[in-house]
Amino acid sequence: MHTLRRLSSSFPSREAIALLTMAPVLGGCSRAPLQDILGSFFPSWMLCAFIGTIAAALLRALLGAADIQQSVPLPMLTYIAFATGVTFIVWLFVFGH
């Protein structure tokens, strides 16, 4: 019995094992980036996606005004890719660390 007690005291506790296994996974967790817009909190990614969508709509309008909209290959995919790119750029420059 004495050797069993000595053997069990040399092992870390369950709490220590749980902490050591969860630490690498939870290392990137932080406060969620939120924006206060008229008293309501919106996720920052939603604001960036909105800006990207507006930029894609403006691009479509500019290409239509320049009368070169018909030369855009795969227009739906092109505008979605442009909106996504603008979304990521806004996120990087405004909320990036």
PDB file of N, CA and C in Angstrom:
ATOM      1  N   MET A   1       0.823  -1.197   0.000  1.00  0.00           N
ATOM      2  CA  MET A   1       0.000   0.000   0.000  1.00  0.00           C
ATOM      3  C   MET A   1       0.867   1.261   0.000  1.00  0.00           C
ATOM      4  N   HIS A   2       1.976   1.203   0.729  1.00  0.00           N
ATOM      5  CA  HIS A   2       2.858   2.352   0.824  1.00  0.00           C
ATOM      6  C   HIS A   2       3.490   2.690  -0.525  1.00  0.00           C
ATOM      7  N   THR A   3       3.877   1.675  -1.317  1.00  0.00           N
ATOM      8  CA  THR A   3       4.457   1.934  -2.639  1.00  0.00           C
ATOM      9  C   THR A   3       3.421   2.452  -3.615  1.00  0.00           C
ATOM     10  N   LEU A   4       2.163   2.025  -3.476  1.00  0.00           N
ATOM     11  CA  LEU A   4       1.099   2.526  -4.348  1.00  0.00           C
ATOM     12  C   LEU A   4       0.847   4.000  -4.080  1.00  0.00           C
ATOM     13  N   ARG A   5       0.849   4.409  -2.835  1.00  0.00           N
ATOM     14  CA  ARG A   5       0.631   5.814  -2.492  1.00  0.00           C
ATOM     15  C   ARG A   5       1.801   6.664  -2.998  1.00  0.00           C
ATOM     16  N   ARG A   6       3.026   6.163  -2.864  1.00  0.00           N
ATOM     17  CA  ARG A   6       4.188   6.890  -3.337  1.00  0.00           C
ATOM     18  C   ARG A   6       4.173   6.993  -4.864  1.00  0.00           C
ATOM     19  N   LEU A   7       3.729   5.921  -5.552  1.00  0.00           N
ATOM     20  CA  LEU A   7       3.651   5.921  -7.005  1.00  0.00           C
ATOM     21  C   LEU A   7       2.583   6.887  -7.499  1.00  0.00           C
ATOM     22  N   SER A   8       1.423   6.924  -6.839  1.00  0.00           N
ATOM     23  CA  SER A   8       0.354   7.825  -7.276  1.00  0.00           C
ATOM     24  C   SER A   8       0.674   9.275  -6.987  1.00  0.00           C
ATOM     25  N   SER A   9       1.487   9.559  -5.986  1.00  0.00           N
ATOM     26  CA  SER A   9       1.838  10.950  -5.699  1.00  0.00           C
ATOM     27  C   SER A   9       2.847  11.496  -6.701  1.00  0.00           C
ATOM     28  N   SER A  10       3.534  10.624  -7.429  1.00  0.00           N
ATOM     29  CA  SER A  10       4.501  11.097  -8.409  1.00  0.00           C
ATOM     30  C   SER A  10       3.829  11.497  -9.731  1.00  0.00           C
ATOM     31  N   PHE A  11       2.613  11.061  -9.974  1.00  0.00           N
ATOM     32  CA  PHE A  11       1.895  11.427 -11.190  1.00  0.00           C
ATOM     33  C   PHE A  11       1.200  12.769 -10.997  1.00  0.00           C
ATOM     34  N   PRO A  12       1.108  13.586 -12.057  1.00  0.00           N
ATOM     35  CA  PRO A  12       0.385  14.866 -11.922  1.00  0.00           C
ATOM     36  C   PRO A  12      -1.115  14.620 -11.750  1.00  0.00           C
ATOM     37  N   SER A  13      -1.761  15.585 -11.160  1.00  0.00           N
ATOM     38  CA  SER A  13      -3.201  15.460 -10.913  1.00  0.00           C
ATOM     39  C   SER A  13      -3.974  15.590 -12.226  1.00  0.00           C
ATOM     40  N   ARG A  14      -5.228  15.244 -12.179  1.00  0.00           N
ATOM     41  CA  ARG A  14      -6.078  15.347 -13.378  1.00  0.00           C
ATOM     42  C   ARG A  14      -6.228  16.789 -13.821  1.00  0.00           C
ATOM     43  N   GLU A  15      -6.287  17.699 -12.860  1.00  0.00           N
ATOM     44  CA  GLU A  15      -6.422  19.116 -13.203  1.00  0.00           C
ATOM     45  C   GLU A  15      -5.179  19.621 -13.936  1.00  0.00           C
ATOM     46  N   ALA A  16      -4.003  19.164 -13.496  1.00  0.00           N
ATOM     47  CA  ALA A  16      -2.768  19.589 -14.150  1.00  0.00           C
ATOM     48  C   ALA A  16      -2.688  19.028 -15.562  1.00  0.00           C
ATOM     49  N   ILE A  17      -3.114  17.795 -15.731  1.00  0.00           N
ATOM     50  CA  ILE A  17      -3.109  17.192 -17.068  1.00  0.00           C
ATOM     51  C   ILE A  17      -4.082  17.924 -17.977  1.00  0.00           C
ATOM     52  N   ALA A  18      -5.271  18.248 -17.461  1.00  0.00           N
ATOM     53  CA  ALA A  18      -6.262  18.977 -18.258  1.00  0.00           C
ATOM     54  C   ALA A  18      -5.740  20.345 -18.654  1.00  0.00           C
ATOM     55  N   LEU A  19      -5.084  21.027 -17.722  1.00  0.00           N
ATOM     56  CA  LEU A  19      -4.541  22.349 -18.019  1.00  0.00           C
ATOM     57  C   LEU A  19      -3.438  22.273 -19.068  1.00  0.00           C
ATOM     58  N   LEU A  20      -2.584  21.297 -18.960  1.00  0.00           N
ATOM     59  CA  LEU A  20      -1.489  21.155 -19.917  1.00  0.00           C
ATOM     60  C   LEU A  20      -1.973  20.769 -21.308  1.00  0.00           C
ATOM     61  N   THR A  21      -3.042  19.996 -21.402  1.00  0.00           N
ATOM     62  CA  THR A  21      -3.553  19.616 -22.722  1.00  0.00           C
ATOM     63  C   THR A  21      -4.392  20.712 -23.352  1.00  0.00           C
ATOM     64  N   MET A  22      -5.042  21.551 -22.547  1.00  0.00           N
ATOM     65  CA  MET A  22      -5.895  22.599 -23.094  1.00  0.00           C
ATOM     66  C   MET A  22      -5.136  23.887 -23.379  1.00  0.00           C
ATOM     67  N   ALA A  23      -3.999  24.098 -22.763  1.00  0.00           N
ATOM     68  CA  ALA A  23      -3.263  25.356 -22.913  1.00  0.00           C
ATOM     69  C   ALA A  23      -2.884  25.654 -24.364  1.00  0.00           C
ATOM     70  N   PRO A  24      -2.342  24.701 -25.139  1.00  0.00           N
ATOM     71  CA  PRO A  24      -2.008  25.031 -26.533  1.00  0.00           C
ATOM     72  C   PRO A  24      -3.229  25.351 -27.379  1.00  0.00           C
ATOM     73  N   VAL A  25      -4.353  24.723 -27.077  1.00  0.00           N
ATOM     74  CA  VAL A  25      -5.560  24.935 -27.866  1.00  0.00           C
ATOM     75  C   VAL A  25      -6.192  26.279 -27.545  1.00  0.00           C
ATOM     76  N   LEU A  26      -6.172  26.667 -26.284  1.00  0.00           N
ATOM     77  CA  LEU A  26      -6.831  27.895 -25.864  1.00  0.00           C
ATOM     78  C   LEU A  26      -5.908  29.107 -25.903  1.00  0.00           C
ATOM     79  N   GLY A  27      -4.699  28.935 -26.384  1.00  0.00           N
ATOM     80  CA  GLY A  27      -3.754  30.036 -26.424  1.00  0.00           C
ATOM     81  C   GLY A  27      -4.176  31.167 -27.347  1.00  0.00           C
ATOM     82  N   GLY A  28      -4.925  30.879 -28.394  1.00  0.00           N
ATOM     83  CA  GLY A  28      -5.340  31.907 -29.337  1.00  0.00           C
ATOM     84  C   GLY A  28      -6.664  32.555 -29.001  1.00  0.00           C
ATOM     85  N   CYS A  29      -7.341  32.065 -27.979  1.00  0.00           N
ATOM     86  CA  CYS A  29      -8.648  32.621 -27.617  1.00  0.00           C
ATOM     87  C   CYS A  29      -8.463  33.983 -26.968  1.00  0.00           C
ATOM     88  N   SER A  30      -9.294  34.883 -27.346  1.00  0.00           N
ATOM     89  CA  SER A  30      -9.283  36.220 -26.755  1.00  0.00           C
ATOM     90  C   SER A  30     -10.690  36.782 -26.861  1.00  0.00           C
ATOM     91  N   ARG A  31     -10.816  37.995 -26.498  1.00  0.00           N
ATOM     92  CA  ARG A  31     -12.104  38.670 -26.580  1.00  0.00           C
ATOM     93  C   ARG A  31     -12.525  38.776 -28.040  1.00  0.00           C
ATOM     94  N   ALA A  32     -13.790  38.531 -28.296  1.00  0.00           N
ATOM     95  CA  ALA A  32     -14.302  38.615 -29.661  1.00  0.00           C
ATOM     96  C   ALA A  32     -14.322  40.076 -30.107  1.00  0.00           C
ATOM     97  N   PRO A  33     -13.800  40.382 -31.306  1.00  0.00           N
ATOM     98  CA  PRO A  33     -13.807  41.767 -31.771  1.00  0.00           C
ATOM     99  C   PRO A  33     -15.226  42.184 -32.170  1.00  0.00           C
ATOM    100  N   LEU A  34     -15.783  43.114 -31.412  1.00  0.00           N
ATOM    101  CA  LEU A  34     -17.141  43.601 -31.657  1.00  0.00           C
ATOM    102  C   LEU A  34     -17.108  45.103 -31.891  1.00  0.00           C
ATOM    103  N   GLN A  35     -18.070  45.579 -32.659  1.00  0.00           N
ATOM    104  CA  GLN A  35     -18.200  47.002 -32.936  1.00  0.00           C
ATOM    105  C   GLN A  35     -19.548  47.489 -32.427  1.00  0.00           C
ATOM    106  N   ASP A  36     -19.537  48.607 -31.731  1.00  0.00           N
ATOM    107  CA  ASP A  36     -20.776  49.193 -31.230  1.00  0.00           C
ATOM    108  C   ASP A  36     -21.348  50.090 -32.320  1.00  0.00           C
ATOM    109  N   ILE A  37     -22.461  49.660 -32.921  1.00  0.00           N
ATOM    110  CA  ILE A  37     -23.120  50.429 -33.975  1.00  0.00           C
ATOM    111  C   ILE A  37     -24.532  50.733 -33.509  1.00  0.00           C
ATOM    112  N   LEU A  38     -24.791  51.994 -33.187  1.00  0.00           N
ATOM    113  CA  LEU A  38     -26.090  52.463 -32.713  1.00  0.00           C
ATOM    114  C   LEU A  38     -26.579  51.661 -31.498  1.00  0.00           C
ATOM    115  N   GLY A  39     -25.674  51.360 -30.592  1.00  0.00           N
ATOM    116  CA  GLY A  39     -26.038  50.674 -29.361  1.00  0.00           C
ATOM    117  C   GLY A  39     -26.077  49.164 -29.448  1.00  0.00           C
ATOM    118  N   SER A  40     -25.915  48.598 -30.628  1.00  0.00           N
ATOM    119  CA  SER A  40     -25.895  47.143 -30.779  1.00  0.00           C
ATOM    120  C   SER A  40     -24.491  46.713 -31.156  1.00  0.00           C
ATOM    121  N   PHE A  41     -24.094  45.570 -30.627  1.00  0.00           N
ATOM    122  CA  PHE A  41     -22.757  45.067 -30.913  1.00  0.00           C
ATOM    123  C   PHE A  41     -22.812  44.086 -32.070  1.00  0.00           C
ATOM    124  N   PHE A  42     -22.021  44.354 -33.091  1.00  0.00           N
ATOM    125  CA  PHE A  42     -21.931  43.504 -34.273  1.00  0.00           C
ATOM    126  C   PHE A  42     -20.530  42.925 -34.345  1.00  0.00           C
ATOM    127  N   PRO A  43     -20.415  41.685 -34.817  1.00  0.00           N
ATOM    128  CA  PRO A  43     -19.059  41.138 -35.010  1.00  0.00           C
ATOM    129  C   PRO A  43     -18.307  41.940 -36.061  1.00  0.00           C
ATOM    130  N   SER A  44     -17.033  42.091 -35.862  1.00  0.00           N
ATOM    131  CA  SER A  44     -16.218  42.882 -36.781  1.00  0.00           C
ATOM    132  C   SER A  44     -16.168  42.269 -38.169  1.00  0.00           C
ATOM    133  N   TRP A  45     -16.209  40.942 -38.249  1.00  0.00           N
ATOM    134  CA  TRP A  45     -16.170  40.307 -39.572  1.00  0.00           C
ATOM    135  C   TRP A  45     -17.406  40.671 -40.375  1.00  0.00           C
ATOM    136  N   MET A  46     -18.538  40.897 -39.695  1.00  0.00           N
ATOM    137  CA  MET A  46     -19.761  41.262 -40.404  1.00  0.00           C
ATOM    138  C   MET A  46     -19.629  42.668 -40.993  1.00  0.00           C
ATOM    139  N   LEU A  47     -19.012  43.554 -40.249  1.00  0.00           N
ATOM    140  CA  LEU A  47     -18.773  44.905 -40.749  1.00  0.00           C
ATOM    141  C   LEU A  47     -17.829  44.870 -41.950  1.00  0.00           C
ATOM    142  N   CYS A  48     -16.782  44.050 -41.867  1.00  0.00           N
ATOM    143  CA  CYS A  48     -15.839  43.923 -42.987  1.00  0.00           C
ATOM    144  C   CYS A  48     -16.519  43.311 -44.212  1.00  0.00           C
ATOM    145  N   ALA A  49     -17.372  42.309 -44.010  1.00  0.00           N
ATOM    146  CA  ALA A  49     -18.091  41.692 -45.124  1.00  0.00           C
ATOM    147  C   ALA A  49     -19.050  42.688 -45.769  1.00  0.00           C
ATOM    148  N   PHE A  50     -19.671  43.536 -44.974  1.00  0.00           N
ATOM    149  CA  PHE A  50     -20.561  44.563 -45.507  1.00  0.00           C
ATOM    150  C   PHE A  50     -19.778  45.548 -46.371  1.00  0.00           C
ATOM    151  N   ILE A  51     -18.603  45.967 -45.901  1.00  0.00           N
ATOM    152  CA  ILE A  51     -17.767  46.889 -46.678  1.00  0.00           C
ATOM    153  C   ILE A  51     -17.310  46.231 -47.981  1.00  0.00           C
ATOM    154  N   GLY A  52     -16.964  44.930 -47.918  1.00  0.00           N
ATOM    155  CA  GLY A  52     -16.563  44.209 -49.121  1.00  0.00           C
ATOM    156  C   GLY A  52     -17.697  44.090 -50.127  1.00  0.00           C
ATOM    157  N   THR A  53     -18.909  43.866 -49.642  1.00  0.00           N
ATOM    158  CA  THR A  53     -20.073  43.771 -50.524  1.00  0.00           C
ATOM    159  C   THR A  53     -20.368  45.111 -51.190  1.00  0.00           C
ATOM    160  N   ILE A  54     -20.278  46.177 -50.424  1.00  0.00           N
ATOM    161  CA  ILE A  54     -20.492  47.516 -50.982  1.00  0.00           C
ATOM    162  C   ILE A  54     -19.416  47.835 -52.024  1.00  0.00           C
ATOM    163  N   ALA A  55     -18.174  47.439 -51.759  1.00  0.00           N
ATOM    164  CA  ALA A  55     -17.093  47.681 -52.724  1.00  0.00           C
ATOM    165  C   ALA A  55     -17.329  46.903 -54.015  1.00  0.00           C
ATOM    166  N   ALA A  56     -17.830  45.663 -53.913  1.00  0.00           N
ATOM    167  CA  ALA A  56     -18.117  44.876 -55.116  1.00  0.00           C
ATOM    168  C   ALA A  56     -19.265  45.498 -55.904  1.00  0.00           C
ATOM    169  N   ALA A  57     -20.269  46.023 -55.214  1.00  0.00           N
ATOM    170  CA  ALA A  57     -21.382  46.685 -55.902  1.00  0.00           C
ATOM    171  C   ALA A  57     -20.902  47.955 -56.600  1.00  0.00           C
ATOM    172  N   LEU A  58     -20.006  48.692 -55.951  1.00  0.00           N
ATOM    173  CA  LEU A  58     -19.449  49.891 -56.590  1.00  0.00           C
ATOM    174  C   LEU A  58     -18.589  49.531 -57.795  1.00  0.00           C
ATOM    175  N   LEU A  59     -17.835  48.442 -57.701  1.00  0.00           N
ATOM    176  CA  LEU A  59     -17.050  47.991 -58.849  1.00  0.00           C
ATOM    177  C   LEU A  59     -17.950  47.639 -60.020  1.00  0.00           C
ATOM    178  N   ARG A  60     -19.042  46.947 -59.733  1.00  0.00           N
ATOM    179  CA  ARG A  60     -19.992  46.579 -60.803  1.00  0.00           C
ATOM    180  C   ARG A  60     -20.591  47.832 -61.439  1.00  0.00           C
ATOM    181  N   ALA A  61     -20.930  48.818 -60.608  1.00  0.00           N
ATOM    182  CA  ALA A  61     -21.486  50.059 -61.135  1.00  0.00           C
ATOM    183  C   ALA A  61     -20.453  50.822 -61.977  1.00  0.00           C
ATOM    184  N   LEU A  62     -19.206  50.847 -61.530  1.00  0.00           N
ATOM    185  CA  LEU A  62     -18.156  51.530 -62.292  1.00  0.00           C
ATOM    186  C   LEU A  62     -17.893  50.841 -63.623  1.00  0.00           C
ATOM    187  N   LEU A  63     -17.867  49.510 -63.604  1.00  0.00           N
ATOM    188  CA  LEU A  63     -17.661  48.782 -64.858  1.00  0.00           C
ATOM    189  C   LEU A  63     -18.846  48.964 -65.804  1.00  0.00           C
ATOM    190  N   GLY A  64     -20.053  49.057 -65.241  1.00  0.00           N
ATOM    191  CA  GLY A  64     -21.234  49.318 -66.066  1.00  0.00           C
ATOM    192  C   GLY A  64     -21.216  50.715 -66.658  1.00  0.00           C
ATOM    193  N   ALA A  65     -20.769  51.688 -65.866  1.00  0.00           N
ATOM    194  CA  ALA A  65     -20.693  53.061 -66.364  1.00  0.00           C
ATOM    195  C   ALA A  65     -19.620  53.199 -67.443  1.00  0.00           C
ATOM    196  N   ALA A  66     -18.553  52.425 -67.332  1.00  0.00           N
ATOM    197  CA  ALA A  66     -17.483  52.460 -68.337  1.00  0.00           C
ATOM    198  C   ALA A  66     -17.817  51.574 -69.525  1.00  0.00           C
ATOM    199  N   ASP A  67     -18.943  50.880 -69.474  1.00  0.00           N
ATOM    200  CA  ASP A  67     -19.435  50.018 -70.540  1.00  0.00           C
ATOM    201  C   ASP A  67     -18.455  48.876 -70.866  1.00  0.00           C
ATOM    202  N   ILE A  68     -17.824  48.342 -69.829  1.00  0.00           N
ATOM    203  CA  ILE A  68     -16.939  47.180 -70.008  1.00  0.00           C
ATOM    204  C   ILE A  68     -17.376  46.009 -69.128  1.00  0.00           C
ATOM    205  N   GLN A  69     -18.596  46.073 -68.635  1.00  0.00           N
ATOM    206  CA  GLN A  69     -19.099  45.017 -67.764  1.00  0.00           C
ATOM    207  C   GLN A  69     -19.235  43.688 -68.503  1.00  0.00           C
ATOM    208  N   GLN A  70     -19.522  43.720 -69.786  1.00  0.00           N
ATOM    209  CA  GLN A  70     -19.703  42.486 -70.552  1.00  0.00           C
ATOM    210  C   GLN A  70     -18.381  41.755 -70.778  1.00  0.00           C
ATOM    211  N   SER A  71     -17.248  42.423 -70.590  1.00  0.00           N
ATOM    212  CA  SER A  71     -15.953  41.766 -70.793  1.00  0.00           C
ATOM    213  C   SER A  71     -15.409  41.103 -69.534  1.00  0.00           C
ATOM    214  N   VAL A  72     -16.149  41.159 -68.429  1.00  0.00           N
ATOM    215  CA  VAL A  72     -15.719  40.519 -67.180  1.00  0.00           C
ATOM    216  C   VAL A  72     -16.009  39.021 -67.281  1.00  0.00           C
ATOM    217  N   PRO A  73     -14.965  38.178 -67.149  1.00  0.00           N
ATOM    218  CA  PRO A  73     -15.209  36.733 -67.232  1.00  0.00           C
ATOM    219  C   PRO A  73     -15.827  36.224 -65.930  1.00  0.00           C
ATOM    220  N   LEU A  74     -16.820  35.376 -66.045  1.00  0.00           N
ATOM    221  CA  LEU A  74     -17.533  34.818 -64.892  1.00  0.00           C
ATOM    222  C   LEU A  74     -17.869  35.918 -63.876  1.00  0.00           C
ATOM    223  N   PRO A  75     -18.799  36.792 -64.227  1.00  0.00           N
ATOM    224  CA  PRO A  75     -19.034  37.981 -63.401  1.00  0.00           C
ATOM    225  C   PRO A  75     -19.389  37.673 -61.943  1.00  0.00           C
ATOM    226  N   MET A  76     -20.220  36.664 -61.716  1.00  0.00           N
ATOM    227  CA  MET A  76     -20.617  36.385 -60.335  1.00  0.00           C
ATOM    228  C   MET A  76     -19.410  35.966 -59.500  1.00  0.00           C
ATOM    229  N   LEU A  77     -18.586  35.101 -60.044  1.00  0.00           N
ATOM    230  CA  LEU A  77     -17.394  34.650 -59.337  1.00  0.00           C
ATOM    231  C   LEU A  77     -16.391  35.792 -59.163  1.00  0.00           C
ATOM    232  N   THR A  78     -16.274  36.637 -60.158  1.00  0.00           N
ATOM    233  CA  THR A  78     -15.357  37.765 -60.086  1.00  0.00           C
ATOM    234  C   THR A  78     -15.770  38.741 -58.992  1.00  0.00           C
ATOM    235  N   TYR A  79     -17.048  39.062 -58.904  1.00  0.00           N
ATOM    236  CA  TYR A  79     -17.510  40.014 -57.892  1.00  0.00           C
ATOM    237  C   TYR A  79     -17.427  39.421 -56.489  1.00  0.00           C
ATOM    238  N   ILE A  80     -17.693  38.129 -56.361  1.00  0.00           N
ATOM    239  CA  ILE A  80     -17.560  37.479 -55.040  1.00  0.00           C
ATOM    240  C   ILE A  80     -16.096  37.464 -54.614  1.00  0.00           C
ATOM    241  N   ALA A  81     -15.197  37.172 -55.542  1.00  0.00           N
ATOM    242  CA  ALA A  81     -13.765  37.177 -55.221  1.00  0.00           C
ATOM    243  C   ALA A  81     -13.292  38.575 -54.849  1.00  0.00           C
ATOM    244  N   PHE A  82     -13.778  39.583 -55.548  1.00  0.00           N
ATOM    245  CA  PHE A  82     -13.411  40.961 -55.226  1.00  0.00           C
ATOM    246  C   PHE A  82     -13.932  41.347 -53.846  1.00  0.00           C
ATOM    247  N   ALA A  83     -15.182  41.004 -53.548  1.00  0.00           N
ATOM    248  CA  ALA A  83     -15.754  41.308 -52.233  1.00  0.00           C
ATOM    249  C   ALA A  83     -14.980  40.605 -51.128  1.00  0.00           C
ATOM    250  N   THR A  84     -14.601  39.343 -51.356  1.00  0.00           N
ATOM    251  CA  THR A  84     -13.834  38.613 -50.360  1.00  0.00           C
ATOM    252  C   THR A  84     -12.458  39.244 -50.158  1.00  0.00           C
ATOM    253  N   GLY A  85     -11.814  39.632 -51.229  1.00  0.00           N
ATOM    254  CA  GLY A  85     -10.512  40.275 -51.124  1.00  0.00           C
ATOM    255  C   GLY A  85     -10.579  41.584 -50.354  1.00  0.00           C
ATOM    256  N   VAL A  86     -11.572  42.407 -50.654  1.00  0.00           N
ATOM    257  CA  VAL A  86     -11.738  43.669 -49.930  1.00  0.00           C
ATOM    258  C   VAL A  86     -12.045  43.402 -48.462  1.00  0.00           C
ATOM    259  N   THR A  87     -12.860  42.381 -48.187  1.00  0.00           N
ATOM    260  CA  THR A  87     -13.181  42.024 -46.806  1.00  0.00           C
ATOM    261  C   THR A  87     -11.921  41.679 -46.035  1.00  0.00           C
ATOM    262  N   PHE A  88     -11.046  40.856 -46.622  1.00  0.00           N
ATOM    263  CA  PHE A  88      -9.814  40.467 -45.946  1.00  0.00           C
ATOM    264  C   PHE A  88      -8.853  41.636 -45.783  1.00  0.00           C
ATOM    265  N   ILE A  89      -8.796  42.507 -46.765  1.00  0.00           N
ATOM    266  CA  ILE A  89      -7.908  43.667 -46.674  1.00  0.00           C
ATOM    267  C   ILE A  89      -8.382  44.615 -45.580  1.00  0.00           C
ATOM    268  N   VAL A  90      -9.691  44.864 -45.507  1.00  0.00           N
ATOM    269  CA  VAL A  90     -10.229  45.730 -44.451  1.00  0.00           C
ATOM    270  C   VAL A  90      -9.955  45.109 -43.086  1.00  0.00           C
ATOM    271  N   TRP A  91     -10.177  43.798 -42.972  1.00  0.00           N
ATOM    272  CA  TRP A  91      -9.922  43.125 -41.693  1.00  0.00           C
ATOM    273  C   TRP A  91      -8.437  43.270 -41.302  1.00  0.00           C
ATOM    274  N   LEU A  92      -7.557  43.097 -42.269  1.00  0.00           N
ATOM    275  CA  LEU A  92      -6.130  43.162 -41.977  1.00  0.00           C
ATOM    276  C   LEU A  92      -5.699  44.551 -41.544  1.00  0.00           C
ATOM    277  N   PHE A  93      -6.143  45.571 -42.241  1.00  0.00           N
ATOM    278  CA  PHE A  93      -5.688  46.912 -41.936  1.00  0.00           C
ATOM    279  C   PHE A  93      -6.402  47.538 -40.739  1.00  0.00           C
ATOM    280  N   VAL A  94      -7.657  47.185 -40.515  1.00  0.00           N
ATOM    281  CA  VAL A  94      -8.403  47.801 -39.416  1.00  0.00           C
ATOM    282  C   VAL A  94      -8.267  47.001 -38.120  1.00  0.00           C
ATOM    283  N   PHE A  95      -8.377  45.673 -38.215  1.00  0.00           N
ATOM    284  CA  PHE A  95      -8.406  44.847 -37.009  1.00  0.00           C
ATOM    285  C   PHE A  95      -7.189  43.961 -36.836  1.00  0.00           C
ATOM    286  N   GLY A  96      -6.267  43.969 -37.799  1.00  0.00           N
ATOM    287  CA  GLY A  96      -5.071  43.138 -37.698  1.00  0.00           C
ATOM    288  C   GLY A  96      -4.134  43.652 -36.625  1.00  0.00           C
ATOM    289  N   HIS A  97      -3.340  42.751 -36.092  1.00  0.00           N
ATOM    290  CA  HIS A  97      -2.415  43.148 -35.012  1.00  0.00           C
ATOM    291  C   HIS A  97      -1.017  43.028 -35.504  1.00  0.00           C
TER     292      HIS A  97
END
